Amino acid sequence: MFGAGIIEIDLHGCNQEQAKAKIDEQIRKAGTSTYRIRCIHGYHGGVRIRNMILDEYGYQREPRVIRITPGENEGITDLVLREF
């Protein structure tokens, strides 16, 4: 957990299926104070996970995710659940 409204998930070492399961769990657990889920996947081996995140959670496929934004660096992708 990063801050009151941000949940951080470290996805290093996960395959796409494991990463999706971790993300889905955090989306289910996210309370009303959570506005962002920060997925830390890395960028050397994390491109597949980043692409999976864009495919699975983009295009309004997950009703709680209103948009996806790049994080502070290439190895982070943020799922925005509500505007801050």
Protein backbone atom coordinates (compact mmCIF):
# COMPACT_ATOMS: atom_id res chain seq x y z
CA MET A 1 0.00 0.00 0.00
CA PHE A 2 1.44 3.35 -1.01
CA GLY A 3 -0.93 5.94 0.36
CA ALA A 4 -4.46 6.13 1.62
CA GLY A 5 -5.94 6.07 -1.87
CA ILE A 6 -3.30 4.16 -3.83
CA ILE A 7 -2.77 0.41 -3.75
CA GLU A 8 0.59 -0.79 -5.09
CA ILE A 9 0.99 -4.30 -6.49
CA ASP A 10 4.45 -5.70 -7.22
CA LEU A 11 4.07 -8.04 -10.21
CA HIS A 12 7.75 -8.87 -10.67
CA GLY A 13 8.19 -12.59 -11.23
CA CYS A 14 4.54 -13.17 -12.13
CA ASN A 15 3.30 -14.58 -15.39
CA GLN A 16 0.28 -12.94 -17.04
CA GLU A 17 -2.24 -15.24 -15.35
CA GLN A 18 -0.75 -14.68 -11.87
CA ALA A 19 -0.57 -10.91 -12.47
CA LYS A 20 -4.21 -10.77 -13.57
CA ALA A 21 -5.30 -12.74 -10.48
CA LYS A 22 -3.42 -10.32 -8.18
CA ILE A 23 -4.89 -7.28 -9.91
CA ASP A 24 -8.43 -8.71 -9.88
CA GLU A 25 -8.12 -9.42 -6.15
CA GLN A 26 -7.07 -5.85 -5.40
CA ILE A 27 -9.86 -4.41 -7.55
CA ARG A 28 -12.35 -6.52 -5.57
CA LYS A 29 -10.83 -5.42 -2.23
CA ALA A 30 -10.54 -1.73 -3.12
CA GLY A 31 -12.72 0.42 -0.92
CA THR A 32 -14.26 3.76 -1.72
CA SER A 33 -11.14 5.61 -0.56
CA THR A 34 -9.02 3.85 -3.18
CA TYR A 35 -8.73 5.85 -6.37
CA ARG A 36 -5.74 4.20 -8.06
CA ILE A 37 -4.11 0.78 -8.30
CA ARG A 38 -0.44 1.04 -9.21
CA CYS A 39 0.85 -2.06 -11.01
CA ILE A 40 4.64 -2.37 -10.81
CA HIS A 41 5.67 -4.79 -13.54
CA GLY A 42 9.08 -3.63 -14.70
CA TYR A 43 9.93 -2.85 -18.28
CA HIS A 44 12.52 -5.40 -19.31
CA GLY A 45 10.41 -8.49 -18.73
CA GLY A 46 7.26 -6.58 -17.89
CA VAL A 47 6.12 -5.66 -21.39
CA ARG A 48 3.87 -8.72 -21.63
CA ILE A 49 2.24 -7.89 -18.31
CA ARG A 50 1.82 -4.23 -19.30
CA ASN A 51 0.18 -5.31 -22.57
CA MET A 52 -2.09 -7.73 -20.68
CA ILE A 53 -3.15 -4.89 -18.37
CA LEU A 54 -3.99 -2.67 -21.35
CA ASP A 55 -5.95 -5.48 -23.04
CA GLU A 56 -7.81 -6.81 -19.98
CA TYR A 57 -8.63 -3.56 -18.20
CA GLY A 58 -8.82 -1.06 -21.06
CA TYR A 59 -11.78 -0.37 -23.31
CA GLN A 60 -14.13 -0.41 -20.27
CA ARG A 61 -13.82 -4.19 -19.89
CA GLU A 62 -13.56 -3.81 -16.11
CA PRO A 63 -16.38 -1.53 -14.89
CA ARG A 64 -14.41 -0.18 -11.89
CA VAL A 65 -11.45 0.98 -14.03
CA ILE A 66 -12.28 4.30 -15.65
CA ARG A 67 -8.92 4.68 -17.40
CA ILE A 68 -5.34 3.44 -17.54
CA THR A 69 -2.39 5.79 -17.28
CA PRO A 70 1.36 5.26 -17.53
CA GLY A 71 3.12 5.47 -14.20
CA GLU A 72 6.16 7.42 -13.11
CA ASN A 73 8.35 5.24 -15.34
CA GLU A 74 7.96 2.59 -18.05
CA GLY A 75 7.73 -0.19 -15.48
CA ILE A 76 4.54 1.11 -13.85
CA THR A 77 0.96 1.19 -15.08
CA ASP A 78 -1.83 2.82 -13.05
CA LEU A 79 -5.45 1.73 -13.09
CA VAL A 80 -7.62 4.71 -12.18
CA LEU A 81 -10.76 3.71 -10.29
CA ARG A 82 -11.99 7.26 -9.68
CA GLU A 83 -10.70 10.78 -10.07
CA PHE A 84 -8.85 12.18 -7.06
